[in-house]
Protein backbone atom coordinates (compact mmCIF):
# COMPACT_ATOMS: atom_id res chain seq x y z
CA UNK A 1 -3.04 -39.53 52.28
CA UNK A 2 -6.04 -37.72 53.69
CA UNK A 3 -3.82 -36.02 56.25
CA UNK A 4 -1.44 -34.77 53.57
CA UNK A 5 -4.19 -33.13 51.52
CA UNK A 6 -5.84 -31.74 54.64
CA UNK A 7 -2.54 -30.06 55.53
CA UNK A 8 -2.30 -28.70 51.95
CA UNK A 9 -5.81 -27.27 52.26
CA UNK A 10 -5.09 -25.62 55.62
CA UNK A 11 -1.79 -24.09 54.53
CA UNK A 12 -3.09 -22.92 51.16
CA UNK A 13 -6.21 -21.42 52.72
CA UNK A 14 -4.20 -19.47 55.30
CA UNK A 15 -1.78 -18.15 52.67
CA UNK A 16 -4.70 -17.37 50.36
CA UNK A 17 -6.47 -15.37 53.06
CA UNK A 18 -3.29 -13.46 53.92
CA UNK A 19 -2.44 -12.69 50.30
CA UNK A 20 -5.95 -11.42 49.57
CA UNK A 21 -5.98 -9.21 52.66
CA UNK A 22 -2.56 -7.75 51.82
CA UNK A 23 -3.61 -6.69 48.32
CA UNK A 24 -4.67 -3.12 47.82
CA UNK A 25 -8.09 -2.33 46.45
CA UNK A 26 -8.71 -1.33 42.85
CA UNK A 27 -9.58 2.23 43.88
CA UNK A 28 -6.22 2.64 45.65
CA UNK A 29 -4.46 2.72 42.29
CA UNK A 30 -6.41 5.72 41.05
CA UNK A 31 -4.91 8.22 43.45
CA UNK A 32 -1.48 6.66 43.10
CA UNK A 33 -1.53 6.96 39.31
CA UNK A 34 -1.98 10.72 39.56
CA UNK A 35 1.18 10.98 41.64
CA UNK A 36 3.20 8.89 39.19
CA UNK A 37 2.39 5.42 40.43
CA UNK A 38 1.12 4.37 37.01
CA UNK A 39 4.51 2.98 36.11
CA UNK A 40 4.32 0.38 38.86
CA UNK A 41 0.73 -0.51 37.93
CA UNK A 42 1.06 -0.62 34.14
CA UNK A 43 4.82 -0.82 33.76
CA UNK A 44 6.92 -3.64 32.37
CA UNK A 45 8.04 -4.70 35.88
CA UNK A 46 4.55 -5.46 37.14
CA UNK A 47 5.46 -9.09 37.80
CA UNK A 48 8.30 -8.01 40.09
CA UNK A 49 6.30 -5.45 42.02
CA UNK A 50 4.64 -6.12 45.37
CA UNK A 51 1.21 -6.31 43.75
CA UNK A 52 2.43 -8.67 41.05
CA UNK A 53 3.98 -11.05 43.55
CA UNK A 54 0.83 -11.06 45.68
CA UNK A 55 -1.26 -11.72 42.59
CA UNK A 56 0.88 -14.72 41.64
CA UNK A 57 0.84 -16.08 45.21
CA UNK A 58 -2.94 -15.73 45.31
CA UNK A 59 -3.38 -17.57 42.01
CA UNK A 60 -1.04 -20.42 42.98
CA UNK A 61 -2.67 -20.87 46.40
CA UNK A 62 -6.15 -20.81 44.90
CA UNK A 63 -5.22 -23.51 42.39
CA UNK A 64 -3.54 -25.59 45.10
CA UNK A 65 -6.58 -25.19 47.36
CA UNK A 66 -9.06 -26.27 44.67
CA UNK A 67 -6.98 -29.23 43.52
CA UNK A 68 -6.41 -30.40 47.10
CA UNK A 69 -10.10 -30.14 47.87
CA UNK A 70 -11.01 -32.13 44.74
CA UNK A 71 -8.48 -34.85 45.51
CA UNK A 72 -9.56 -35.02 49.14
CA UNK A 73 -13.22 -35.31 48.10
CA UNK A 74 -12.35 -38.08 45.61
CA UNK A 75 -10.46 -40.03 48.30
CA UNK A 76 -13.44 -40.11 50.61
């Protein structure tokens, strides 16, 4: 059981690191909104955009990481 949650922690941490590094900074949206990129930032398809998908992946991996760490700590 410990091995399973250790694997979950390792995989979720690697995906979490990658998804955070792939996200653009908050200041990157300012220059893009002048050129018409505001629709992808504030539009109705935000969940289907690249940034929306990365945001969801980051949230899911963070939750999985925290829950796995709590369960692993409770098992020991």
